[in-house]
Each structure stands twice: as structure tokens, then as C-alpha cells.
């Protein structure tokens, strides 16, 4: 991988972690069970994205 590609992957890892943490934080504040479950699924999806990008390294 080139330096630029590695920087892209690093940036993508940071974004995925950020979105995952924000989804978890938001889910903990929600009262509606259906909406909370949906946001928790989004957090899991961002964890999967993180793992995919991490696997590139």
C-alpha cells in the first residue's frame, strides 16, 4: 500500500470508531426500544466496518 492509501485506511478507521461510539452513546440515551435497537444495530455495523478496514492492514 502507498502512504496515501494507508492514510485513507487510518482515516476510515477513525471515522468508523467515532460513529460506533456515537451510536452507542445515543442508544444509551434513547427510551424507545425499537429506535434503541436500530441504533445499536448501526453501532454493530460500524464495528464490522472497522474490522474490515483493520483487516486490510
PDB file of N, CA and C in Angstrom:
ATOM      1  N   UNK A   1       0.834  -1.182   0.000  1.00  0.00           N
ATOM      2  CA  UNK A   1       0.000   0.000   0.000  1.00  0.00           C
ATOM      3  C   UNK A   1       0.879   1.246   0.000  1.00  0.00           C
ATOM      4  N   UNK A   2       0.355   2.246  -0.655  1.00  0.00           N
ATOM      5  CA  UNK A   2       1.079   3.514  -0.667  1.00  0.00           C
ATOM      6  C   UNK A   2       0.790   4.268   0.632  1.00  0.00           C
ATOM      7  N   UNK A   3       1.582   5.298   0.865  1.00  0.00           N
ATOM      8  CA  UNK A   3       1.385   6.128   2.047  1.00  0.00           C
ATOM      9  C   UNK A   3       0.005   6.763   2.032  1.00  0.00           C
ATOM     10  N   UNK A   4      -0.412   7.221   0.875  1.00  0.00           N
ATOM     11  CA  UNK A   4      -1.725   7.854   0.759  1.00  0.00           C
ATOM     12  C   UNK A   4      -2.841   6.856   1.063  1.00  0.00           C
ATOM     13  N   UNK A   5      -2.709   5.635   0.581  1.00  0.00           N
ATOM     14  CA  UNK A   5      -3.708   4.604   0.859  1.00  0.00           C
ATOM     15  C   UNK A   5      -3.755   4.271   2.350  1.00  0.00           C
ATOM     16  N   UNK A   6      -2.602   4.189   2.978  1.00  0.00           N
ATOM     17  CA  UNK A   6      -2.560   3.922   4.415  1.00  0.00           C
ATOM     18  C   UNK A   6      -3.206   5.051   5.209  1.00  0.00           C
ATOM     19  N   UNK A   7      -2.994   6.273   4.774  1.00  0.00           N
ATOM     20  CA  UNK A   7      -3.631   7.412   5.440  1.00  0.00           C
ATOM     21  C   UNK A   7      -5.145   7.344   5.290  1.00  0.00           C
ATOM     22  N   UNK A   8      -5.609   6.909   4.130  1.00  0.00           N
ATOM     23  CA  UNK A   8      -7.046   6.752   3.912  1.00  0.00           C
ATOM     24  C   UNK A   8      -7.615   5.694   4.856  1.00  0.00           C
ATOM     25  N   UNK A   9      -6.944   4.566   4.969  1.00  0.00           N
ATOM     26  CA  UNK A   9      -7.414   3.496   5.847  1.00  0.00           C
ATOM     27  C   UNK A   9      -7.411   3.966   7.302  1.00  0.00           C
ATOM     28  N   UNK A  10      -6.371   4.674   7.693  1.00  0.00           N
ATOM     29  CA  UNK A  10      -6.306   5.216   9.053  1.00  0.00           C
ATOM     30  C   UNK A  10      -7.472   6.172   9.314  1.00  0.00           C
ATOM     31  N   UNK A  11      -7.759   7.011   8.367  1.00  0.00           N
ATOM     32  CA  UNK A  11      -8.873   7.957   8.482  1.00  0.00           C
ATOM     33  C   UNK A  11     -10.206   7.205   8.564  1.00  0.00           C
ATOM     34  N   UNK A  12     -10.363   6.199   7.738  1.00  0.00           N
ATOM     35  CA  UNK A  12     -11.592   5.409   7.739  1.00  0.00           C
ATOM     36  C   UNK A  12     -11.766   4.675   9.072  1.00  0.00           C
ATOM     37  N   UNK A  13     -10.674   4.166   9.638  1.00  0.00           N
ATOM     38  CA  UNK A  13     -10.735   3.515  10.946  1.00  0.00           C
ATOM     39  C   UNK A  13     -11.219   4.493  12.017  1.00  0.00           C
ATOM     40  N   UNK A  14     -10.684   5.695  11.973  1.00  0.00           N
ATOM     41  CA  UNK A  14     -11.081   6.719  12.940  1.00  0.00           C
ATOM     42  C   UNK A  14     -12.549   7.078  12.819  1.00  0.00           C
ATOM     43  N   UNK A  15     -13.024   7.204  11.591  1.00  0.00           N
ATOM     44  CA  UNK A  15     -14.436   7.536  11.371  1.00  0.00           C
ATOM     45  C   UNK A  15     -15.350   6.405  11.854  1.00  0.00           C
ATOM     46  N   UNK A  16     -14.978   5.179  11.551  1.00  0.00           N
ATOM     47  CA  UNK A  16     -15.805   4.040  11.963  1.00  0.00           C
ATOM     48  C   UNK A  16     -15.879   3.947  13.481  1.00  0.00           C
ATOM     49  N   UNK A  17     -14.746   4.146  14.160  1.00  0.00           N
ATOM     50  CA  UNK A  17     -14.734   4.118  15.625  1.00  0.00           C
ATOM     51  C   UNK A  17     -15.569   5.256  16.198  1.00  0.00           C
ATOM     52  N   UNK A  18     -15.448   6.436  15.600  1.00  0.00           N
ATOM     53  CA  UNK A  18     -16.211   7.592  16.072  1.00  0.00           C
ATOM     54  C   UNK A  18     -17.710   7.338  15.936  1.00  0.00           C
ATOM     55  N   UNK A  19     -18.139   6.873  14.768  1.00  0.00           N
ATOM     56  CA  UNK A  19     -19.565   6.615  14.552  1.00  0.00           C
ATOM     57  C   UNK A  19     -20.072   5.507  15.471  1.00  0.00           C
ATOM     58  N   UNK A  20     -19.246   4.498  15.694  1.00  0.00           N
ATOM     59  CA  UNK A  20     -19.640   3.424  16.591  1.00  0.00           C
ATOM     60  C   UNK A  20     -19.850   3.962  18.005  1.00  0.00           C
ATOM     61  N   UNK A  21     -18.917   4.772  18.493  1.00  0.00           N
ATOM     62  CA  UNK A  21     -19.043   5.305  19.849  1.00  0.00           C
ATOM     63  C   UNK A  21     -20.238   6.244  19.967  1.00  0.00           C
ATOM     64  N   UNK A  22     -20.501   7.043  18.948  1.00  0.00           N
ATOM     65  CA  UNK A  22     -21.658   7.949  18.981  1.00  0.00           C
ATOM     66  C   UNK A  22     -22.970   7.174  18.949  1.00  0.00           C
ATOM     67  N   UNK A  23     -23.021   6.093  18.184  1.00  0.00           N
ATOM     68  CA  UNK A  23     -24.228   5.268  18.149  1.00  0.00           C
ATOM     69  C   UNK A  23     -24.474   4.626  19.511  1.00  0.00           C
ATOM     70  N   UNK A  24     -23.427   4.108  20.138  1.00  0.00           N
ATOM     71  CA  UNK A  24     -23.575   3.500  21.461  1.00  0.00           C
ATOM     72  C   UNK A  24     -24.036   4.536  22.476  1.00  0.00           C
ATOM     73  N   UNK A  25     -23.416   5.703  22.432  1.00  0.00           N
ATOM     74  CA  UNK A  25     -23.774   6.791  23.337  1.00  0.00           C
ATOM     75  C   UNK A  25     -25.245   7.192  23.154  1.00  0.00           C
ATOM     76  N   UNK A  26     -25.659   7.312  21.910  1.00  0.00           N
ATOM     77  CA  UNK A  26     -27.041   7.694  21.607  1.00  0.00           C
ATOM     78  C   UNK A  26     -28.013   6.601  22.032  1.00  0.00           C
ATOM     79  N   UNK A  27     -27.679   5.345  21.766  1.00  0.00           N
ATOM     80  CA  UNK A  27     -28.560   4.231  22.129  1.00  0.00           C
ATOM     81  C   UNK A  27     -28.809   4.207  23.642  1.00  0.00           C
ATOM     82  N   UNK A  28     -27.782   4.516  24.407  1.00  0.00           N
ATOM     83  CA  UNK A  28     -27.923   4.518  25.864  1.00  0.00           C
ATOM     84  C   UNK A  28     -28.868   5.612  26.359  1.00  0.00           C
ATOM     85  N   UNK A  29     -29.090   6.625  25.555  1.00  0.00           N
ATOM     86  CA  UNK A  29     -29.944   7.736  25.960  1.00  0.00           C
ATOM     87  C   UNK A  29     -31.379   7.599  25.457  1.00  0.00           C
ATOM     88  N   UNK A  30     -31.618   6.648  24.569  1.00  0.00           N
ATOM     89  CA  UNK A  30     -32.949   6.503  23.979  1.00  0.00           C
ATOM     90  C   UNK A  30     -33.899   5.726  24.887  1.00  0.00           C
ATOM     91  N   UNK A  31     -35.154   6.138  24.876  1.00  0.00           N
ATOM     92  CA  UNK A  31     -36.189   5.468  25.654  1.00  0.00           C
ATOM     93  C   UNK A  31     -36.991   4.487  24.788  1.00  0.00           C
ATOM     94  N   UNK A  32     -37.159   4.804  23.530  1.00  0.00           N
ATOM     95  CA  UNK A  32     -37.927   3.971  22.603  1.00  0.00           C
ATOM     96  C   UNK A  32     -37.122   2.703  22.277  1.00  0.00           C
ATOM     97  N   UNK A  33     -37.661   1.551  22.641  1.00  0.00           N
ATOM     98  CA  UNK A  33     -36.931   0.291  22.462  1.00  0.00           C
ATOM     99  C   UNK A  33     -36.632  -0.030  21.003  1.00  0.00           C
ATOM    100  N   UNK A  34     -37.584   0.248  20.122  1.00  0.00           N
ATOM    101  CA  UNK A  34     -37.386  -0.042  18.699  1.00  0.00           C
ATOM    102  C   UNK A  34     -36.278   0.829  18.113  1.00  0.00           C
ATOM    103  N   UNK A  35     -36.317   2.100  18.433  1.00  0.00           N
ATOM    104  CA  UNK A  35     -35.295   3.018  17.940  1.00  0.00           C
ATOM    105  C   UNK A  35     -33.931   2.686  18.546  1.00  0.00           C
ATOM    106  N   UNK A  36     -33.923   2.338  19.830  1.00  0.00           N
ATOM    107  CA  UNK A  36     -32.681   1.963  20.507  1.00  0.00           C
ATOM    108  C   UNK A  36     -32.048   0.742  19.840  1.00  0.00           C
ATOM    109  N   UNK A  37     -32.873  -0.252  19.510  1.00  0.00           N
ATOM    110  CA  UNK A  37     -32.372  -1.461  18.852  1.00  0.00           C
ATOM    111  C   UNK A  37     -31.780  -1.124  17.482  1.00  0.00           C
ATOM    112  N   UNK A  38     -32.433  -0.228  16.753  1.00  0.00           N
ATOM    113  CA  UNK A  38     -31.936   0.171  15.437  1.00  0.00           C
ATOM    114  C   UNK A  38     -30.574   0.867  15.557  1.00  0.00           C
ATOM    115  N   UNK A  39     -30.450   1.768  16.520  1.00  0.00           N
ATOM    116  CA  UNK A  39     -29.180   2.491  16.701  1.00  0.00           C
ATOM    117  C   UNK A  39     -28.083   1.530  17.166  1.00  0.00           C
ATOM    118  N   UNK A  40     -28.439   0.551  17.981  1.00  0.00           N
ATOM    119  CA  UNK A  40     -27.457  -0.457  18.395  1.00  0.00           C
ATOM    120  C   UNK A  40     -26.989  -1.284  17.199  1.00  0.00           C
ATOM    121  N   UNK A  41     -27.901  -1.565  16.255  1.00  0.00           N
ATOM    122  CA  UNK A  41     -27.517  -2.269  15.028  1.00  0.00           C
ATOM    123  C   UNK A  41     -26.546  -1.423  14.212  1.00  0.00           C
ATOM    124  N   UNK A  42     -26.791  -0.124  14.192  1.00  0.00           N
ATOM    125  CA  UNK A  42     -25.874   0.775  13.479  1.00  0.00           C
ATOM    126  C   UNK A  42     -24.487   0.729  14.119  1.00  0.00           C
ATOM    127  N   UNK A  43     -24.430   0.690  15.441  1.00  0.00           N
ATOM    128  CA  UNK A  43     -23.147   0.599  16.144  1.00  0.00           C
ATOM    129  C   UNK A  43     -22.426  -0.683  15.758  1.00  0.00           C
ATOM    130  N   UNK A  44     -23.166  -1.796  15.687  1.00  0.00           N
ATOM    131  CA  UNK A  44     -22.569  -3.067  15.287  1.00  0.00           C
ATOM    132  C   UNK A  44     -22.056  -3.010  13.853  1.00  0.00           C
ATOM    133  N   UNK A  45     -22.811  -2.346  12.978  1.00  0.00           N
ATOM    134  CA  UNK A  45     -22.399  -2.219  11.580  1.00  0.00           C
ATOM    135  C   UNK A  45     -21.085  -1.436  11.480  1.00  0.00           C
ATOM    136  N   UNK A  46     -20.968  -0.375  12.268  1.00  0.00           N
ATOM    137  CA  UNK A  46     -19.730   0.409  12.246  1.00  0.00           C
ATOM    138  C   UNK A  46     -18.563  -0.392  12.832  1.00  0.00           C
ATOM    139  N   UNK A  47     -18.848  -1.287  13.774  1.00  0.00           N
ATOM    140  CA  UNK A  47     -17.801  -2.168  14.290  1.00  0.00           C
ATOM    141  C   UNK A  47     -17.338  -3.118  13.189  1.00  0.00           C
ATOM    142  N   UNK A  48     -18.283  -3.635  12.404  1.00  0.00           N
ATOM    143  CA  UNK A  48     -17.929  -4.519  11.286  1.00  0.00           C
ATOM    144  C   UNK A  48     -17.097  -3.769  10.246  1.00  0.00           C
ATOM    145  N   UNK A  49     -17.471  -2.536   9.975  1.00  0.00           N
ATOM    146  CA  UNK A  49     -16.714  -1.720   9.021  1.00  0.00           C
ATOM    147  C   UNK A  49     -15.295  -1.507   9.535  1.00  0.00           C
ATOM    148  N   UNK A  50     -15.177  -1.209  10.836  1.00  0.00           N
ATOM    149  CA  UNK A  50     -13.858  -1.032  11.445  1.00  0.00           C
ATOM    150  C   UNK A  50     -13.018  -2.296  11.259  1.00  0.00           C
ATOM    151  N   UNK A  51     -13.612  -3.459  11.561  1.00  0.00           N
ATOM    152  CA  UNK A  51     -12.885  -4.716  11.428  1.00  0.00           C
ATOM    153  C   UNK A  51     -12.453  -4.975   9.978  1.00  0.00           C
ATOM    154  N   UNK A  52     -13.304  -4.617   9.035  1.00  0.00           N
ATOM    155  CA  UNK A  52     -12.957  -4.797   7.615  1.00  0.00           C
ATOM    156  C   UNK A  52     -11.761  -3.954   7.227  1.00  0.00           C
ATOM    157  N   UNK A  53     -11.795  -2.682   7.612  1.00  0.00           N
ATOM    158  CA  UNK A  53     -10.671  -1.817   7.302  1.00  0.00           C
ATOM    159  C   UNK A  53      -9.414  -2.247   8.043  1.00  0.00           C
ATOM    160  N   UNK A  54      -9.569  -2.660   9.299  1.00  0.00           N
ATOM    161  CA  UNK A  54      -8.421  -3.105  10.087  1.00  0.00           C
ATOM    162  C   UNK A  54      -7.791  -4.344   9.454  1.00  0.00           C
ATOM    163  N   UNK A  55      -8.643  -5.181   8.867  1.00  0.00           N
ATOM    164  CA  UNK A  55      -8.152  -6.376   8.195  1.00  0.00           C
ATOM    165  C   UNK A  55      -7.274  -6.066   6.991  1.00  0.00           C
ATOM    166  N   UNK A  56      -7.431  -4.895   6.417  1.00  0.00           N
ATOM    167  CA  UNK A  56      -6.583  -4.502   5.288  1.00  0.00           C
ATOM    168  C   UNK A  56      -5.117  -4.309   5.704  1.00  0.00           C
ATOM    169  N   UNK A  57      -4.949  -3.993   6.969  1.00  0.00           N
ATOM    170  CA  UNK A  57      -3.594  -3.751   7.464  1.00  0.00           C
ATOM    171  C   UNK A  57      -2.910  -5.066   7.749  1.00  0.00           C
TER     172      UNK A  57
END
